[in-house]
N, C-alpha and C. Protein backbone atom coordinates (compact mmCIF):
# COMPACT_ATOMS: atom_id res chain seq x y z
N UNK A 1 0.86 -1.17 0.00
CA UNK A 1 0.00 0.00 0.00
C UNK A 1 0.90 1.23 0.00
N UNK A 2 0.60 2.16 -0.88
CA UNK A 2 1.42 3.34 -1.00
C UNK A 2 0.55 4.57 -0.87
N UNK A 3 0.49 5.15 0.33
CA UNK A 3 -0.28 6.36 0.57
C UNK A 3 0.70 7.52 0.64
N UNK A 4 0.47 8.53 -0.18
CA UNK A 4 1.39 9.65 -0.25
C UNK A 4 0.69 10.94 0.13
N UNK A 5 1.44 11.83 0.73
CA UNK A 5 0.93 13.15 1.07
C UNK A 5 1.38 14.11 -0.02
N UNK A 6 0.43 14.82 -0.60
CA UNK A 6 0.74 15.75 -1.66
C UNK A 6 0.24 17.11 -1.26
N UNK A 7 1.12 18.09 -1.30
CA UNK A 7 0.77 19.44 -0.92
C UNK A 7 0.96 20.35 -2.13
N UNK A 8 -0.10 20.63 -2.89
CA UNK A 8 0.06 21.44 -4.10
C UNK A 8 0.51 22.86 -3.81
N UNK A 9 0.15 23.41 -2.67
CA UNK A 9 0.55 24.78 -2.34
C UNK A 9 2.05 24.90 -2.15
N UNK A 10 2.65 23.90 -1.54
CA UNK A 10 4.10 23.93 -1.34
C UNK A 10 4.81 23.87 -2.69
N UNK A 11 4.30 23.08 -3.64
CA UNK A 11 4.91 23.01 -4.97
C UNK A 11 4.82 24.34 -5.69
N UNK A 12 3.68 25.03 -5.55
CA UNK A 12 3.53 26.36 -6.16
C UNK A 12 4.50 27.33 -5.52
N UNK A 13 4.64 27.28 -4.21
CA UNK A 13 5.58 28.17 -3.51
C UNK A 13 7.01 27.90 -3.95
N UNK A 14 7.37 26.65 -4.16
CA UNK A 14 8.71 26.31 -4.63
C UNK A 14 8.94 26.86 -6.03
N UNK A 15 7.94 26.72 -6.90
CA UNK A 15 8.04 27.27 -8.25
C UNK A 15 8.19 28.79 -8.21
N UNK A 16 7.42 29.45 -7.36
CA UNK A 16 7.52 30.90 -7.23
C UNK A 16 8.90 31.32 -6.73
N UNK A 17 9.45 30.55 -5.81
CA UNK A 17 10.79 30.84 -5.30
C UNK A 17 11.82 30.72 -6.40
N UNK A 18 11.71 29.69 -7.22
CA UNK A 18 12.65 29.51 -8.34
C UNK A 18 12.54 30.65 -9.35
N UNK A 19 11.30 31.03 -9.66
CA UNK A 19 11.11 32.16 -10.58
C UNK A 19 11.67 33.45 -9.99
N UNK A 20 11.48 33.62 -8.70
CA UNK A 20 11.98 34.82 -8.02
C UNK A 20 13.50 34.90 -8.12
N UNK A 21 14.16 33.78 -7.87
CA UNK A 21 15.62 33.77 -7.97
C UNK A 21 16.08 33.97 -9.40
N UNK A 22 15.34 33.41 -10.36
CA UNK A 22 15.73 33.55 -11.77
C UNK A 22 15.61 34.99 -12.26
N UNK A 23 14.62 35.71 -11.79
CA UNK A 23 14.41 37.08 -12.25
C UNK A 23 14.92 38.13 -11.27
N UNK A 24 15.53 37.70 -10.18
CA UNK A 24 16.17 38.62 -9.25
C UNK A 24 15.21 39.44 -8.41
N UNK A 25 14.02 38.99 -8.16
CA UNK A 25 13.06 39.72 -7.33
C UNK A 25 11.96 38.80 -6.88
N UNK A 26 10.87 39.37 -6.42
CA UNK A 26 9.73 38.57 -5.98
C UNK A 26 8.79 38.34 -7.14
N UNK A 27 8.52 37.06 -7.45
CA UNK A 27 7.58 36.73 -8.52
C UNK A 27 6.15 36.99 -8.09
N UNK A 28 5.89 37.16 -6.78
CA UNK A 28 4.54 37.33 -6.29
C UNK A 28 4.10 38.78 -6.33
N UNK A 29 4.93 39.68 -6.83
CA UNK A 29 4.53 41.08 -6.87
C UNK A 29 4.73 41.76 -5.52
N UNK A 30 5.81 41.42 -4.81
CA UNK A 30 6.13 42.11 -3.58
C UNK A 30 5.68 41.41 -2.31
N UNK A 31 4.92 40.33 -2.41
CA UNK A 31 4.48 39.63 -1.20
C UNK A 31 5.64 38.84 -0.62
N UNK A 32 5.67 38.76 0.66
CA UNK A 32 6.74 38.02 1.33
C UNK A 32 6.52 36.53 1.15
N UNK A 33 7.57 35.81 0.81
CA UNK A 33 7.49 34.37 0.58
C UNK A 33 7.10 33.64 1.85
N UNK A 34 7.63 34.03 3.01
CA UNK A 34 7.32 33.34 4.26
C UNK A 34 5.84 33.43 4.61
N UNK A 35 5.21 34.57 4.33
CA UNK A 35 3.78 34.70 4.60
C UNK A 35 2.98 33.71 3.76
N UNK A 36 3.37 33.56 2.50
CA UNK A 36 2.65 32.67 1.62
C UNK A 36 2.80 31.21 2.06
N UNK A 37 4.02 30.84 2.45
CA UNK A 37 4.24 29.47 2.90
C UNK A 37 3.48 29.18 4.18
N UNK A 38 3.43 30.14 5.10
CA UNK A 38 2.75 29.89 6.36
C UNK A 38 1.25 29.71 6.15
N UNK A 39 0.68 30.33 5.14
CA UNK A 39 -0.74 30.16 4.87
C UNK A 39 -1.03 28.81 4.22
N UNK A 40 -0.09 28.31 3.42
CA UNK A 40 -0.34 27.09 2.66
C UNK A 40 0.26 25.85 3.30
N UNK A 41 1.09 26.00 4.29
CA UNK A 41 1.85 24.87 4.78
C UNK A 41 1.10 24.02 5.81
N UNK A 42 -0.02 24.43 6.28
CA UNK A 42 -0.68 23.65 7.33
C UNK A 42 -1.51 22.53 6.74
N UNK A 43 -1.48 21.43 7.41
CA UNK A 43 -2.31 20.29 7.05
C UNK A 43 -2.60 19.53 8.34
N UNK A 44 -3.81 19.04 8.50
CA UNK A 44 -4.13 18.31 9.73
C UNK A 44 -3.32 17.01 9.80
N UNK A 45 -2.86 16.65 11.00
CA UNK A 45 -2.15 15.38 11.13
C UNK A 45 -3.10 14.21 10.93
N UNK A 46 -2.57 13.14 10.33
CA UNK A 46 -3.39 11.99 9.95
C UNK A 46 -2.69 10.71 10.40
N UNK A 47 -3.47 9.77 10.93
CA UNK A 47 -2.99 8.41 11.20
C UNK A 47 -3.68 7.48 10.21
N UNK A 48 -2.93 6.51 9.70
CA UNK A 48 -3.50 5.51 8.79
C UNK A 48 -3.18 4.14 9.37
N UNK A 49 -4.23 3.35 9.61
CA UNK A 49 -4.06 2.01 10.18
C UNK A 49 -4.75 1.00 9.28
N UNK A 50 -4.12 -0.15 9.13
CA UNK A 50 -4.72 -1.22 8.33
C UNK A 50 -5.11 -2.37 9.24
N UNK A 51 -6.33 -2.82 9.07
CA UNK A 51 -6.84 -3.97 9.80
C UNK A 51 -7.16 -5.06 8.79
N UNK A 52 -7.62 -6.19 9.29
CA UNK A 52 -7.90 -7.33 8.42
C UNK A 52 -8.89 -6.98 7.31
N UNK A 53 -9.96 -6.28 7.67
CA UNK A 53 -11.03 -6.03 6.70
C UNK A 53 -11.20 -4.56 6.30
N UNK A 54 -10.30 -3.67 6.78
CA UNK A 54 -10.47 -2.26 6.44
C UNK A 54 -9.17 -1.49 6.66
N UNK A 55 -9.16 -0.29 6.09
CA UNK A 55 -8.11 0.70 6.34
C UNK A 55 -8.82 1.87 6.99
N UNK A 56 -8.23 2.43 8.05
CA UNK A 56 -8.85 3.51 8.79
C UNK A 56 -7.94 4.73 8.77
N UNK A 57 -8.47 5.84 8.26
CA UNK A 57 -7.75 7.11 8.25
C UNK A 57 -8.38 7.99 9.32
N UNK A 58 -7.56 8.50 10.24
CA UNK A 58 -8.05 9.37 11.30
C UNK A 58 -7.31 10.70 11.19
N UNK A 59 -8.07 11.79 11.03
CA UNK A 59 -7.50 13.13 10.90
C UNK A 59 -7.92 13.98 12.10
N UNK A 60 -6.97 14.73 12.64
CA UNK A 60 -7.25 15.65 13.75
C UNK A 60 -7.73 16.98 13.20
N UNK A 61 -8.98 17.34 13.52
CA UNK A 61 -9.56 18.59 13.05
C UNK A 61 -10.31 19.29 14.17
N UNK A 62 -9.61 19.70 15.24
CA UNK A 62 -10.31 20.37 16.34
C UNK A 62 -10.89 21.71 15.90
N UNK A 63 -12.07 21.99 16.40
CA UNK A 63 -12.73 23.25 16.07
C UNK A 63 -13.53 23.22 14.78
N UNK A 64 -13.46 22.13 14.03
CA UNK A 64 -14.22 22.01 12.78
C UNK A 64 -15.58 21.41 13.06
N UNK A 65 -16.49 21.62 12.11
CA UNK A 65 -17.80 20.96 12.11
C UNK A 65 -17.87 20.09 10.87
N UNK A 66 -18.82 19.16 10.85
CA UNK A 66 -18.94 18.23 9.72
C UNK A 66 -19.04 18.96 8.38
N UNK A 67 -19.81 20.05 8.35
CA UNK A 67 -20.02 20.75 7.07
C UNK A 67 -18.83 21.64 6.68
N UNK A 68 -17.79 21.72 7.51
CA UNK A 68 -16.58 22.47 7.16
C UNK A 68 -15.59 21.61 6.38
N UNK A 69 -15.86 20.32 6.28
CA UNK A 69 -14.91 19.37 5.68
C UNK A 69 -15.53 18.76 4.43
N UNK A 70 -14.74 18.68 3.38
CA UNK A 70 -15.18 18.08 2.12
C UNK A 70 -14.31 16.86 1.84
N UNK A 71 -14.95 15.72 1.59
CA UNK A 71 -14.24 14.48 1.27
C UNK A 71 -14.71 14.02 -0.10
N UNK A 72 -13.76 13.74 -1.00
CA UNK A 72 -14.11 13.28 -2.34
C UNK A 72 -13.19 12.15 -2.76
N UNK A 73 -13.72 11.26 -3.61
CA UNK A 73 -12.88 10.25 -4.26
C UNK A 73 -13.02 10.44 -5.75
N UNK A 74 -11.87 10.39 -6.43
CA UNK A 74 -11.87 10.53 -7.88
C UNK A 74 -10.55 9.99 -8.42
N UNK A 75 -10.64 9.18 -9.47
CA UNK A 75 -9.46 8.63 -10.14
C UNK A 75 -8.50 7.95 -9.18
N UNK A 76 -9.03 7.17 -8.26
CA UNK A 76 -8.19 6.42 -7.34
C UNK A 76 -7.55 7.25 -6.24
N UNK A 77 -8.06 8.46 -6.01
CA UNK A 77 -7.52 9.34 -4.98
C UNK A 77 -8.63 9.72 -4.00
N UNK A 78 -8.26 9.84 -2.73
CA UNK A 78 -9.15 10.34 -1.69
C UNK A 78 -8.63 11.71 -1.29
N UNK A 79 -9.50 12.73 -1.34
CA UNK A 79 -9.08 14.10 -1.05
C UNK A 79 -9.90 14.67 0.09
N UNK A 80 -9.21 15.24 1.08
CA UNK A 80 -9.83 15.97 2.19
C UNK A 80 -9.54 17.44 1.98
N UNK A 81 -10.57 18.28 2.13
CA UNK A 81 -10.41 19.72 2.01
C UNK A 81 -11.13 20.40 3.16
N UNK A 82 -10.63 21.54 3.53
CA UNK A 82 -11.29 22.31 4.57
C UNK A 82 -10.58 23.64 4.75
N UNK A 83 -11.13 24.43 5.64
CA UNK A 83 -10.53 25.73 5.92
C UNK A 83 -10.79 26.10 7.38
N UNK A 84 -9.73 26.53 8.04
CA UNK A 84 -9.85 27.06 9.39
C UNK A 84 -9.70 28.58 9.27
N UNK A 85 -10.75 29.28 9.65
CA UNK A 85 -10.75 30.74 9.53
C UNK A 85 -10.19 31.37 10.80
N UNK A 86 -9.45 32.45 10.61
CA UNK A 86 -8.87 33.18 11.74
C UNK A 86 -9.96 34.02 12.39
N UNK A 87 -10.00 34.01 13.71
CA UNK A 87 -10.97 34.82 14.43
C UNK A 87 -10.63 36.29 14.22
N UNK A 88 -11.62 37.07 13.90
CA UNK A 88 -11.37 38.50 13.70
C UNK A 88 -11.08 39.14 15.05
N UNK A 89 -10.16 40.07 15.01
CA UNK A 89 -9.80 40.73 16.25
C UNK A 89 -10.98 41.54 16.79
N UNK A 90 -11.31 41.26 18.02
CA UNK A 90 -12.38 42.01 18.68
C UNK A 90 -11.76 43.22 19.37
N UNK A 91 -12.57 44.20 19.59
CA UNK A 91 -12.05 45.40 20.24
C UNK A 91 -11.58 45.05 21.64
N UNK A 92 -10.40 45.54 21.98
CA UNK A 92 -9.82 45.27 23.28
C UNK A 92 -9.05 43.95 23.33
N UNK A 93 -8.96 43.25 22.21
CA UNK A 93 -8.25 41.98 22.15
C UNK A 93 -7.05 42.13 21.23
N UNK A 94 -5.88 42.10 21.81
CA UNK A 94 -4.64 42.19 21.03
C UNK A 94 -3.91 40.86 21.12
N UNK A 95 -3.58 40.29 19.97
CA UNK A 95 -2.86 39.03 19.95
C UNK A 95 -1.38 39.29 20.15
N UNK A 96 -0.76 38.56 21.06
CA UNK A 96 0.67 38.64 21.28
C UNK A 96 1.40 37.51 20.58
N UNK A 97 0.67 36.42 20.35
CA UNK A 97 1.26 35.28 19.66
C UNK A 97 0.13 34.49 19.01
N UNK A 98 0.35 34.06 17.78
CA UNK A 98 -0.60 33.20 17.07
C UNK A 98 0.18 31.99 16.58
N UNK A 99 -0.05 30.84 17.17
CA UNK A 99 0.68 29.64 16.81
C UNK A 99 -0.18 28.62 16.07
N UNK A 100 -1.49 28.75 16.19
CA UNK A 100 -2.35 27.81 15.48
C UNK A 100 -2.33 28.16 13.99
N UNK A 101 -2.49 27.15 13.17
CA UNK A 101 -2.48 27.34 11.72
C UNK A 101 -3.87 27.66 11.22
N UNK A 102 -3.93 28.54 10.24
CA UNK A 102 -5.20 28.96 9.65
C UNK A 102 -5.11 28.90 8.14
N UNK A 103 -6.26 28.90 7.51
CA UNK A 103 -6.33 28.89 6.06
C UNK A 103 -6.85 27.56 5.55
N UNK A 104 -6.76 27.38 4.26
CA UNK A 104 -7.26 26.16 3.62
C UNK A 104 -6.23 25.05 3.71
N UNK A 105 -6.72 23.82 3.70
CA UNK A 105 -5.84 22.67 3.62
C UNK A 105 -6.40 21.70 2.60
N UNK A 106 -5.51 20.92 2.03
CA UNK A 106 -5.88 19.83 1.13
C UNK A 106 -4.96 18.67 1.43
N UNK A 107 -5.54 17.51 1.69
CA UNK A 107 -4.76 16.28 1.88
C UNK A 107 -5.27 15.29 0.84
N UNK A 108 -4.34 14.66 0.11
CA UNK A 108 -4.71 13.70 -0.92
C UNK A 108 -3.98 12.39 -0.68
N UNK A 109 -4.72 11.28 -0.80
CA UNK A 109 -4.17 9.96 -0.57
C UNK A 109 -4.52 9.05 -1.75
N UNK A 110 -3.59 8.21 -2.16
CA UNK A 110 -3.87 7.19 -3.18
C UNK A 110 -4.68 6.08 -2.53
N UNK A 111 -5.72 5.66 -3.20
CA UNK A 111 -6.53 4.56 -2.69
C UNK A 111 -5.96 3.24 -3.21
N UNK A 112 -5.69 2.29 -2.32
CA UNK A 112 -5.20 0.99 -2.78
C UNK A 112 -6.27 0.28 -3.61
N UNK A 113 -5.85 -0.63 -4.45
CA UNK A 113 -6.78 -1.36 -5.31
C UNK A 113 -7.73 -2.26 -4.54
N UNK A 114 -7.37 -2.64 -3.31
CA UNK A 114 -8.20 -3.58 -2.57
C UNK A 114 -9.34 -2.91 -1.79
N UNK A 115 -9.51 -1.59 -1.94
CA UNK A 115 -10.56 -0.85 -1.23
C UNK A 115 -11.86 -0.86 -2.05
N UNK A 116 -12.97 -1.14 -1.37
CA UNK A 116 -14.30 -1.07 -1.99
C UNK A 116 -14.74 0.40 -1.96
N UNK A 117 -14.57 1.09 -3.03
CA UNK A 117 -14.79 2.54 -3.09
C UNK A 117 -16.24 2.94 -2.93
N UNK A 118 -17.15 2.02 -3.15
CA UNK A 118 -18.58 2.31 -3.01
C UNK A 118 -19.04 2.29 -1.55
N UNK A 119 -18.23 1.73 -0.66
CA UNK A 119 -18.64 1.57 0.74
C UNK A 119 -17.83 2.43 1.71
N UNK A 120 -17.13 3.44 1.22
CA UNK A 120 -16.34 4.30 2.10
C UNK A 120 -17.29 5.11 2.98
N UNK A 121 -16.97 5.17 4.29
CA UNK A 121 -17.80 5.91 5.25
C UNK A 121 -16.92 6.86 6.04
N UNK A 122 -17.52 7.97 6.47
CA UNK A 122 -16.80 8.93 7.31
C UNK A 122 -17.66 9.32 8.50
N UNK A 123 -17.01 9.44 9.66
CA UNK A 123 -17.69 9.93 10.86
C UNK A 123 -16.82 11.01 11.48
N UNK A 124 -17.48 11.96 12.15
CA UNK A 124 -16.76 13.07 12.78
C UNK A 124 -17.25 13.20 14.21
N UNK A 125 -16.33 13.09 15.17
CA UNK A 125 -16.70 13.13 16.58
C UNK A 125 -15.53 13.68 17.38
N UNK A 126 -15.81 14.65 18.24
CA UNK A 126 -14.81 15.22 19.15
C UNK A 126 -13.54 15.70 18.44
N UNK A 127 -13.71 16.31 17.28
CA UNK A 127 -12.56 16.85 16.55
C UNK A 127 -11.76 15.83 15.76
N UNK A 128 -12.24 14.58 15.71
CA UNK A 128 -11.55 13.54 14.95
C UNK A 128 -12.42 13.08 13.79
N UNK A 129 -11.87 13.14 12.60
CA UNK A 129 -12.53 12.64 11.40
C UNK A 129 -11.99 11.24 11.14
N UNK A 130 -12.90 10.26 11.10
CA UNK A 130 -12.50 8.89 10.79
C UNK A 130 -13.11 8.49 9.46
N UNK A 131 -12.25 8.05 8.57
CA UNK A 131 -12.69 7.59 7.25
C UNK A 131 -12.39 6.11 7.17
N UNK A 132 -13.44 5.33 7.01
CA UNK A 132 -13.30 3.87 6.93
C UNK A 132 -13.29 3.45 5.48
N UNK A 133 -12.22 2.77 5.09
CA UNK A 133 -12.07 2.26 3.73
C UNK A 133 -12.16 0.73 3.79
N UNK A 134 -13.38 0.18 3.62
CA UNK A 134 -13.51 -1.29 3.72
C UNK A 134 -12.83 -1.97 2.53
N UNK A 135 -12.25 -3.13 2.81
CA UNK A 135 -11.60 -3.88 1.74
C UNK A 135 -12.66 -4.68 0.97
N UNK A 136 -12.41 -4.87 -0.32
CA UNK A 136 -13.31 -5.69 -1.14
C UNK A 136 -13.27 -7.12 -0.62
N UNK A 137 -14.38 -7.82 -0.76
CA UNK A 137 -14.48 -9.20 -0.27
C UNK A 137 -13.41 -10.08 -0.91
N UNK A 138 -13.19 -9.92 -2.21
CA UNK A 138 -12.20 -10.78 -2.88
C UNK A 138 -10.77 -10.40 -2.51
N UNK A 139 -10.57 -9.26 -1.87
CA UNK A 139 -9.23 -8.83 -1.49
C UNK A 139 -8.89 -9.17 -0.04
N UNK A 140 -9.88 -9.60 0.74
CA UNK A 140 -9.63 -9.95 2.14
C UNK A 140 -8.84 -11.25 2.22
N UNK A 141 -7.97 -11.36 3.21
CA UNK A 141 -7.20 -12.60 3.35
C UNK A 141 -8.10 -13.79 3.63
N UNK A 142 -7.78 -14.90 3.00
CA UNK A 142 -8.55 -16.13 3.21
C UNK A 142 -7.60 -17.24 3.63
N UNK A 143 -8.09 -18.05 4.51
CA UNK A 143 -7.30 -19.18 4.97
C UNK A 143 -7.58 -20.37 4.06
N UNK A 144 -6.54 -21.04 3.64
CA UNK A 144 -6.69 -22.22 2.78
C UNK A 144 -6.31 -23.44 3.60
N UNK A 145 -7.24 -24.36 3.68
CA UNK A 145 -7.04 -25.56 4.48
C UNK A 145 -6.20 -26.56 3.69
N UNK A 146 -5.27 -27.17 4.38
CA UNK A 146 -4.41 -28.18 3.76
C UNK A 146 -4.94 -29.54 4.18
N UNK A 147 -5.21 -30.37 3.20
CA UNK A 147 -5.69 -31.71 3.52
C UNK A 147 -4.51 -32.67 3.64
N UNK A 148 -4.66 -33.63 4.52
CA UNK A 148 -3.61 -34.63 4.71
C UNK A 148 -3.66 -35.60 3.55
N UNK A 149 -2.53 -35.88 2.97
CA UNK A 149 -2.48 -36.79 1.82
C UNK A 149 -1.54 -37.94 2.11
N UNK A 150 -1.79 -39.03 1.48
CA UNK A 150 -0.95 -40.22 1.66
C UNK A 150 0.09 -40.34 0.57
N UNK A 151 0.82 -41.41 0.58
CA UNK A 151 1.90 -41.65 -0.39
C UNK A 151 1.34 -41.86 -1.78
N UNK A 152 0.05 -42.24 -1.86
CA UNK A 152 -0.54 -42.49 -3.18
C UNK A 152 -0.64 -41.23 -4.03
N UNK A 153 -0.51 -40.07 -3.44
CA UNK A 153 -0.62 -38.81 -4.19
C UNK A 153 0.71 -38.38 -4.80
N UNK A 154 1.82 -38.95 -4.41
CA UNK A 154 3.13 -38.56 -4.91
C UNK A 154 3.30 -39.14 -6.30
N UNK A 155 3.64 -38.27 -7.28
CA UNK A 155 3.85 -38.78 -8.63
C UNK A 155 5.01 -39.80 -8.65
N UNK A 156 4.94 -40.76 -9.56
CA UNK A 156 5.92 -41.84 -9.58
C UNK A 156 7.33 -41.33 -9.85
N UNK A 157 7.51 -40.25 -10.58
CA UNK A 157 8.85 -39.72 -10.88
C UNK A 157 9.49 -39.19 -9.59
N UNK A 158 8.70 -38.61 -8.70
CA UNK A 158 9.23 -38.09 -7.45
C UNK A 158 9.44 -39.20 -6.43
N UNK A 159 8.66 -40.25 -6.48
CA UNK A 159 8.71 -41.30 -5.49
C UNK A 159 9.99 -42.14 -5.66
N UNK A 160 10.53 -42.24 -6.86
CA UNK A 160 11.69 -43.09 -7.09
C UNK A 160 12.97 -42.45 -6.61
N UNK A 161 13.01 -41.19 -6.33
CA UNK A 161 14.25 -40.51 -5.91
C UNK A 161 14.58 -40.77 -4.50
């Protein structure tokens, strides 16, 4: 199973950095590169576990609601999208430090061939998004029973050795 994390925003930022160095200035029209990276670099942490009959993806999304998260499957990929909005400064409230990440995120995972894509389910509880990827029946491990055989089953060419 090969699940990869792909961050399209980081690739765009890398391309912009290369263009900036090639032309000797900022390709973004004066915007600071660090600001752009900090907006695009956040992604919720994810655990992926495989069990006998399913794969379970668990994403940490504290402060989100079910309707803030979009999950799609297309062309063998599972994509999670969402956005954490920054609280607007209220009068009398001055921030001295902001360490939480804000903005949009996109997480994309390759779906293994053994997943039944029609039966994928998602649940959201206590800030944890769980996506269950059930395995197809024909892809689940099966035990094969070995029957006891006697000497009569050994081919004559093997028996003479």
